[in-house]
Amino acid sequence: MKHKVTIVDDHTLLSQAIGNLVDGFDDFETDGIFKNGQEAVDALKEKRINPEIILMDVRMPVMDGIEATRIITKEYPRILVLALSVETEERTIIQMLKAGAKGYLSKDIRKELLYQALTGALKEGFFHTQNVTDALIGSLKHKDEVEELKEREIEFIKLACSDLTYKEIADKMNLSPKTVDNYRDSVFTKLNAKNRIGLVLFAIKHGIYELE
């Protein structure tokens, strides 16, 4: 029995091409192609589709991928949402991860890597490619690292999961920007994270930050 994959993207030719790639895999098949998040959410509610994985674009009309992912993750937690986007901005990636996406893929993904993403997501519950950031997998440490974090460092990580700048985080913590920079450097070193995205993944993985 083949695993079903739904594609949500407002670029018709691209979504069809991705659908053809999925259908070309022996153990996967396309289960619906939609132009925006609202269409996909409606199809799920009406039980017209029953996917295990959804490949979700980020920027779309009517309902974007961030809002659609948030709804689907909450109402259909068994479905794995993998973002599929041309955007590589840190803020966008963080927003999708916070919404519940289990991976973030580039639209220029190769056929072999797409297959790895689909199979990897089913096996591990998430999949991230190195061309987005080297920190993603490296930051998913064991629970021992949580115990090594100080209370103020955990507070910093929680605030880092927001859209606040480091200066704004310093204000929230009643600290100087330099002190917050020291917290950031300390946390990055302890978790072997290279950027803020790595902190968000770590926080989600270990319950420091809870998805909305």
C-alpha atoms as a PDB file:
ATOM      1  CA  MET A   1       0.000   0.000   0.000  1.00  0.00           C
ATOM      2  CA  LYS A   2       1.404   3.366  -1.045  1.00  0.00           C
ATOM      3  CA  HIS A   3       1.878   6.332   1.276  1.00  0.00           C
ATOM      4  CA  LYS A   4      -0.258   9.301   0.265  1.00  0.00           C
ATOM      5  CA  VAL A   5       1.195  12.783  -0.261  1.00  0.00           C
ATOM      6  CA  THR A   6      -0.798  15.996  -0.732  1.00  0.00           C
ATOM      7  CA  ILE A   7       0.758  19.007  -2.489  1.00  0.00           C
ATOM      8  CA  VAL A   8      -0.235  22.601  -1.696  1.00  0.00           C
ATOM      9  CA  ASP A   9       1.278  25.235  -4.002  1.00  0.00           C
ATOM     10  CA  ASP A  10      -0.166  28.100  -6.036  1.00  0.00           C
ATOM     11  CA  HIS A  11       2.232  27.503  -8.942  1.00  0.00           C
ATOM     12  CA  THR A  12       0.328  24.993 -11.073  1.00  0.00           C
ATOM     13  CA  LEU A  13       3.170  23.733 -13.265  1.00  0.00           C
ATOM     14  CA  LEU A  14       5.492  23.282 -10.312  1.00  0.00           C
ATOM     15  CA  SER A  15       2.917  21.461  -8.195  1.00  0.00           C
ATOM     16  CA  GLN A  16       2.118  19.155 -11.094  1.00  0.00           C
ATOM     17  CA  ALA A  17       5.828  18.461 -11.610  1.00  0.00           C
ATOM     18  CA  ILE A  18       6.247  17.627  -7.934  1.00  0.00           C
ATOM     19  CA  GLY A  19       3.169  15.410  -8.134  1.00  0.00           C
ATOM     20  CA  ASN A  20       4.718  13.534 -11.041  1.00  0.00           C
ATOM     21  CA  LEU A  21       7.892  12.992  -9.019  1.00  0.00           C
ATOM     22  CA  VAL A  22       5.889  11.641  -6.086  1.00  0.00           C
ATOM     23  CA  ASP A  23       3.874   9.335  -8.332  1.00  0.00           C
ATOM     24  CA  GLY A  24       7.124   8.051  -9.798  1.00  0.00           C
ATOM     25  CA  PHE A  25       8.181   6.573  -6.452  1.00  0.00           C
ATOM     26  CA  ASP A  26       7.210   2.944  -5.891  1.00  0.00           C
ATOM     27  CA  ASP A  27       5.858   3.511  -2.377  1.00  0.00           C
ATOM     28  CA  PHE A  28       4.263   6.976  -2.668  1.00  0.00           C
ATOM     29  CA  GLU A  29       1.346   8.494  -4.563  1.00  0.00           C
ATOM     30  CA  THR A  30      -0.224  11.940  -4.852  1.00  0.00           C
ATOM     31  CA  ASP A  31      -3.440  12.494  -2.916  1.00  0.00           C
ATOM     32  CA  GLY A  32      -4.658  15.858  -4.137  1.00  0.00           C
ATOM     33  CA  ILE A  33      -3.013  19.048  -5.417  1.00  0.00           C
ATOM     34  CA  PHE A  34      -4.297  22.398  -4.102  1.00  0.00           C
ATOM     35  CA  LYS A  35      -3.569  26.060  -4.848  1.00  0.00           C
ATOM     36  CA  ASN A  36      -3.693  27.390  -1.284  1.00  0.00           C
ATOM     37  CA  GLY A  37      -3.966  26.378   2.345  1.00  0.00           C
ATOM     38  CA  GLN A  38      -7.701  26.944   2.535  1.00  0.00           C
ATOM     39  CA  GLU A  39      -8.399  24.444  -0.245  1.00  0.00           C
ATOM     40  CA  ALA A  40      -6.278  21.828   1.530  1.00  0.00           C
ATOM     41  CA  VAL A  41      -7.917  22.438   4.921  1.00  0.00           C
ATOM     42  CA  ASP A  42     -11.387  22.207   3.342  1.00  0.00           C
ATOM     43  CA  ALA A  43     -10.474  18.964   1.582  1.00  0.00           C
ATOM     44  CA  LEU A  44      -9.321  17.466   4.882  1.00  0.00           C
ATOM     45  CA  LYS A  45     -12.487  18.531   6.684  1.00  0.00           C
ATOM     46  CA  GLU A  46     -14.633  17.065   3.908  1.00  0.00           C
ATOM     47  CA  LYS A  47     -12.520  13.878   3.973  1.00  0.00           C
ATOM     48  CA  ARG A  48     -11.741  14.131   0.270  1.00  0.00           C
ATOM     49  CA  ILE A  49      -8.090  13.394   1.006  1.00  0.00           C
ATOM     50  CA  ASN A  50      -6.298  11.295   3.594  1.00  0.00           C
ATOM     51  CA  PRO A  51      -2.561  12.025   3.333  1.00  0.00           C
ATOM     52  CA  GLU A  52       0.257  11.013   5.621  1.00  0.00           C
ATOM     53  CA  ILE A  53       2.431  13.875   4.377  1.00  0.00           C
ATOM     54  CA  ILE A  54       1.642  17.345   3.026  1.00  0.00           C
ATOM     55  CA  LEU A  55       4.189  19.282   0.984  1.00  0.00           C
ATOM     56  CA  MET A  56       3.270  22.876   1.832  1.00  0.00           C
ATOM     57  CA  ASP A  57       4.307  26.085   0.077  1.00  0.00           C
ATOM     58  CA  VAL A  58       4.730  29.106   2.362  1.00  0.00           C
ATOM     59  CA  ARG A  59       3.528  32.155   0.415  1.00  0.00           C
ATOM     60  CA  MET A  60       0.094  31.583  -1.132  1.00  0.00           C
ATOM     61  CA  PRO A  61      -3.115  33.631  -1.564  1.00  0.00           C
ATOM     62  CA  VAL A  62      -6.294  33.150   0.531  1.00  0.00           C
ATOM     63  CA  MET A  63      -4.491  31.153   3.246  1.00  0.00           C
ATOM     64  CA  ASP A  64      -0.708  30.930   3.396  1.00  0.00           C
ATOM     65  CA  GLY A  65       1.303  27.895   4.402  1.00  0.00           C
ATOM     66  CA  ILE A  66       2.029  29.134   7.908  1.00  0.00           C
ATOM     67  CA  GLU A  67      -1.634  29.421   8.891  1.00  0.00           C
ATOM     68  CA  ALA A  68      -2.565  26.211   7.077  1.00  0.00           C
ATOM     69  CA  THR A  69       0.232  24.316   8.814  1.00  0.00           C
ATOM     70  CA  ARG A  70      -0.883  25.655  12.198  1.00  0.00           C
ATOM     71  CA  ILE A  71      -4.458  24.462  11.599  1.00  0.00           C
ATOM     72  CA  ILE A  72      -3.496  21.079  10.181  1.00  0.00           C
ATOM     73  CA  THR A  73      -0.946  20.367  12.921  1.00  0.00           C
ATOM     74  CA  LYS A  74      -3.534  21.138  15.583  1.00  0.00           C
ATOM     75  CA  GLU A  75      -6.523  19.354  14.050  1.00  0.00           C
ATOM     76  CA  TYR A  76      -4.721  16.503  12.281  1.00  0.00           C
ATOM     77  CA  PRO A  77      -1.570  15.813  14.340  1.00  0.00           C
ATOM     78  CA  ARG A  78      -0.942  12.506  12.566  1.00  0.00           C
ATOM     79  CA  ILE A  79      -0.227  14.375   9.296  1.00  0.00           C
ATOM     80  CA  LEU A  80       3.383  15.400   8.700  1.00  0.00           C
ATOM     81  CA  VAL A  81       3.718  18.814   7.063  1.00  0.00           C
ATOM     82  CA  LEU A  82       6.934  19.518   5.166  1.00  0.00           C
ATOM     83  CA  ALA A  83       7.441  23.081   3.990  1.00  0.00           C
ATOM     84  CA  LEU A  84       8.440  23.409   0.340  1.00  0.00           C
ATOM     85  CA  SER A  85       9.555  26.938  -0.500  1.00  0.00           C
ATOM     86  CA  VAL A  86      12.027  29.154  -2.347  1.00  0.00           C
ATOM     87  CA  GLU A  87      12.371  31.302   0.771  1.00  0.00           C
ATOM     88  CA  THR A  88      15.397  30.747   2.977  1.00  0.00           C
ATOM     89  CA  GLU A  89      15.028  33.682   5.360  1.00  0.00           C
ATOM     90  CA  GLU A  90      15.579  32.673   8.974  1.00  0.00           C
ATOM     91  CA  ARG A  91      12.339  34.320  10.113  1.00  0.00           C
ATOM     92  CA  THR A  92      10.233  32.420   7.576  1.00  0.00           C
ATOM     93  CA  ILE A  93      11.783  29.080   8.489  1.00  0.00           C
ATOM     94  CA  ILE A  94      11.212  29.755  12.188  1.00  0.00           C
ATOM     95  CA  GLN A  95       7.567  30.690  11.546  1.00  0.00           C
ATOM     96  CA  MET A  96       6.935  27.425   9.694  1.00  0.00           C
ATOM     97  CA  LEU A  97       8.661  25.344  12.377  1.00  0.00           C
ATOM     98  CA  LYS A  98       6.683  27.086  15.101  1.00  0.00           C
ATOM     99  CA  ALA A  99       3.493  26.424  13.130  1.00  0.00           C
ATOM    100  CA  GLY A 100       4.304  22.711  13.269  1.00  0.00           C
ATOM    101  CA  ALA A 101       6.190  21.908  10.059  1.00  0.00           C
ATOM    102  CA  LYS A 102       8.375  18.836  10.433  1.00  0.00           C
ATOM    103  CA  GLY A 103      10.828  19.907   7.765  1.00  0.00           C
ATOM    104  CA  TYR A 104      11.791  22.709   5.412  1.00  0.00           C
ATOM    105  CA  LEU A 105      12.707  21.865   1.828  1.00  0.00           C
ATOM    106  CA  SER A 106      13.844  24.017  -1.084  1.00  0.00           C
ATOM    107  CA  LYS A 107      11.757  23.949  -4.256  1.00  0.00           C
ATOM    108  CA  ASP A 108      14.831  23.093  -6.310  1.00  0.00           C
ATOM    109  CA  ILE A 109      15.085  19.809  -4.417  1.00  0.00           C
ATOM    110  CA  ARG A 110      16.426  16.858  -6.406  1.00  0.00           C
ATOM    111  CA  LYS A 111      14.297  13.769  -6.978  1.00  0.00           C
ATOM    112  CA  GLU A 112      16.566  11.626  -4.798  1.00  0.00           C
ATOM    113  CA  LEU A 113      16.459  14.125  -1.943  1.00  0.00           C
ATOM    114  CA  LEU A 114      12.679  14.450  -2.164  1.00  0.00           C
ATOM    115  CA  TYR A 115      12.427  10.687  -1.727  1.00  0.00           C
ATOM    116  CA  GLN A 116      14.788  10.852   1.247  1.00  0.00           C
ATOM    117  CA  ALA A 117      12.646  13.610   2.752  1.00  0.00           C
ATOM    118  CA  LEU A 118       9.422  11.637   2.407  1.00  0.00           C
ATOM    119  CA  THR A 119      10.851   8.395   3.762  1.00  0.00           C
ATOM    120  CA  GLY A 120      12.848  10.203   6.453  1.00  0.00           C
ATOM    121  CA  ALA A 121       9.795  12.100   7.678  1.00  0.00           C
ATOM    122  CA  LEU A 122       7.791   8.878   7.984  1.00  0.00           C
ATOM    123  CA  LYS A 123      10.606   7.142   9.849  1.00  0.00           C
ATOM    124  CA  GLU A 124      11.896   9.914  12.127  1.00  0.00           C
ATOM    125  CA  GLY A 125       8.944  12.308  12.308  1.00  0.00           C
ATOM    126  CA  PHE A 126      10.954  15.132  10.755  1.00  0.00           C
ATOM    127  CA  PHE A 127      13.395  15.840   7.914  1.00  0.00           C
ATOM    128  CA  HIS A 128      15.628  18.838   7.237  1.00  0.00           C
ATOM    129  CA  THR A 129      18.047  19.485   4.382  1.00  0.00           C
ATOM    130  CA  GLN A 130      21.523  20.909   4.913  1.00  0.00           C
ATOM    131  CA  ASN A 131      21.088  23.532   2.205  1.00  0.00           C
ATOM    132  CA  VAL A 132      18.696  25.374   4.536  1.00  0.00           C
ATOM    133  CA  THR A 133      21.091  25.347   7.488  1.00  0.00           C
ATOM    134  CA  ASP A 134      23.818  23.102   8.869  1.00  0.00           C
ATOM    135  CA  ALA A 135      22.482  23.727  12.369  1.00  0.00           C
ATOM    136  CA  LEU A 136      19.124  22.022  12.018  1.00  0.00           C
ATOM    137  CA  ILE A 137      20.060  18.430  12.742  1.00  0.00           C
ATOM    138  CA  GLY A 138      23.098  19.295  14.829  1.00  0.00           C
ATOM    139  CA  SER A 139      20.932  21.186  17.266  1.00  0.00           C
ATOM    140  CA  LEU A 140      18.679  18.230  18.053  1.00  0.00           C
ATOM    141  CA  LYS A 141      20.649  17.147  21.065  1.00  0.00           C
ATOM    142  CA  HIS A 142      19.803  14.744  23.868  1.00  0.00           C
ATOM    143  CA  LYS A 143      18.001  15.749  27.013  1.00  0.00           C
ATOM    144  CA  ASP A 144      21.294  15.962  28.904  1.00  0.00           C
ATOM    145  CA  GLU A 145      21.918  19.305  27.224  1.00  0.00           C
ATOM    146  CA  VAL A 146      18.686  20.690  28.688  1.00  0.00           C
ATOM    147  CA  GLU A 147      19.913  19.897  32.182  1.00  0.00           C
ATOM    148  CA  GLU A 148      23.139  21.795  31.490  1.00  0.00           C
ATOM    149  CA  LEU A 149      21.259  24.998  30.651  1.00  0.00           C
ATOM    150  CA  LYS A 150      20.890  27.660  33.308  1.00  0.00           C
ATOM    151  CA  GLU A 151      17.491  29.165  34.105  1.00  0.00           C
ATOM    152  CA  ARG A 152      18.292  32.460  32.394  1.00  0.00           C
ATOM    153  CA  GLU A 153      19.593  30.627  29.327  1.00  0.00           C
ATOM    154  CA  ILE A 154      16.303  28.755  29.045  1.00  0.00           C
ATOM    155  CA  GLU A 155      14.471  32.080  29.374  1.00  0.00           C
ATOM    156  CA  PHE A 156      16.635  33.433  26.549  1.00  0.00           C
ATOM    157  CA  ILE A 157      15.851  30.409  24.332  1.00  0.00           C
ATOM    158  CA  LYS A 158      12.101  30.879  24.873  1.00  0.00           C
ATOM    159  CA  LEU A 159      12.355  34.523  23.811  1.00  0.00           C
ATOM    160  CA  ALA A 160      14.559  33.569  20.858  1.00  0.00           C
ATOM    161  CA  CYS A 161      11.634  31.482  19.557  1.00  0.00           C
ATOM    162  CA  SER A 162       9.709  34.710  19.002  1.00  0.00           C
ATOM    163  CA  ASP A 163      10.101  37.392  16.331  1.00  0.00           C
ATOM    164  CA  LEU A 164      11.915  39.662  18.801  1.00  0.00           C
ATOM    165  CA  THR A 165      15.320  41.049  17.868  1.00  0.00           C
ATOM    166  CA  TYR A 166      18.215  40.388  20.230  1.00  0.00           C
ATOM    167  CA  LYS A 167      17.986  43.996  21.424  1.00  0.00           C
ATOM    168  CA  GLU A 168      14.292  43.522  22.219  1.00  0.00           C
ATOM    169  CA  ILE A 169      15.111  40.275  24.021  1.00  0.00           C
ATOM    170  CA  ALA A 170      17.619  42.209  26.113  1.00  0.00           C
ATOM    171  CA  ASP A 171      14.881  44.680  27.058  1.00  0.00           C
ATOM    172  CA  LYS A 172      12.507  41.850  28.002  1.00  0.00           C
ATOM    173  CA  MET A 173      15.153  40.262  30.208  1.00  0.00           C
ATOM    174  CA  ASN A 174      16.213  43.626  31.678  1.00  0.00           C
ATOM    175  CA  LEU A 175      19.742  43.024  30.500  1.00  0.00           C
ATOM    176  CA  SER A 176      22.220  44.869  28.334  1.00  0.00           C
ATOM    177  CA  PRO A 177      22.531  43.813  24.675  1.00  0.00           C
ATOM    178  CA  LYS A 178      26.103  42.696  25.404  1.00  0.00           C
ATOM    179  CA  THR A 179      24.945  40.379  28.193  1.00  0.00           C
ATOM    180  CA  VAL A 180      22.305  38.861  25.914  1.00  0.00           C
ATOM    181  CA  ASP A 181      24.991  38.344  23.273  1.00  0.00           C
ATOM    182  CA  ASN A 182      26.940  36.418  25.913  1.00  0.00           C
ATOM    183  CA  TYR A 183      23.875  34.252  26.651  1.00  0.00           C
ATOM    184  CA  ARG A 184      23.456  33.636  22.934  1.00  0.00           C
ATOM    185  CA  ASP A 185      27.089  32.609  22.470  1.00  0.00           C
ATOM    186  CA  SER A 186      26.958  30.364  25.538  1.00  0.00           C
ATOM    187  CA  VAL A 187      23.766  28.621  24.400  1.00  0.00           C
ATOM    188  CA  PHE A 188      25.051  28.194  20.836  1.00  0.00           C
ATOM    189  CA  THR A 189      28.202  26.554  22.194  1.00  0.00           C
ATOM    190  CA  LYS A 190      26.391  24.227  24.608  1.00  0.00           C
ATOM    191  CA  LEU A 191      23.896  23.063  21.990  1.00  0.00           C
ATOM    192  CA  ASN A 192      26.311  23.071  19.047  1.00  0.00           C
ATOM    193  CA  ALA A 193      23.848  25.342  17.251  1.00  0.00           C
ATOM    194  CA  LYS A 194      25.028  27.721  14.545  1.00  0.00           C
ATOM    195  CA  ASN A 195      22.038  30.032  14.394  1.00  0.00           C
ATOM    196  CA  ARG A 196      18.665  30.956  15.858  1.00  0.00           C
ATOM    197  CA  ILE A 197      16.838  28.310  13.840  1.00  0.00           C
ATOM    198  CA  GLY A 198      18.813  25.645  15.655  1.00  0.00           C
ATOM    199  CA  LEU A 199      17.652  27.069  18.997  1.00  0.00           C
ATOM    200  CA  VAL A 200      14.017  26.955  17.886  1.00  0.00           C
ATOM    201  CA  LEU A 201      14.299  23.323  16.814  1.00  0.00           C
ATOM    202  CA  PHE A 202      15.951  22.393  20.096  1.00  0.00           C
ATOM    203  CA  ALA A 203      13.260  24.237  22.085  1.00  0.00           C
ATOM    204  CA  ILE A 204      10.432  22.518  20.185  1.00  0.00           C
ATOM    205  CA  LYS A 205      12.092  19.104  20.425  1.00  0.00           C
ATOM    206  CA  HIS A 206      12.494  19.291  24.203  1.00  0.00           C
ATOM    207  CA  GLY A 207       9.344  21.131  25.197  1.00  0.00           C
ATOM    208  CA  ILE A 208      11.036  24.414  26.110  1.00  0.00           C
ATOM    209  CA  TYR A 209       8.812  26.075  23.532  1.00  0.00           C
ATOM    210  CA  GLU A 210       5.309  24.714  22.939  1.00  0.00           C
ATOM    211  CA  LEU A 211       3.671  25.020  19.534  1.00  0.00           C
ATOM    212  CA  GLU A 212       0.612  27.253  19.467  1.00  0.00           C
END
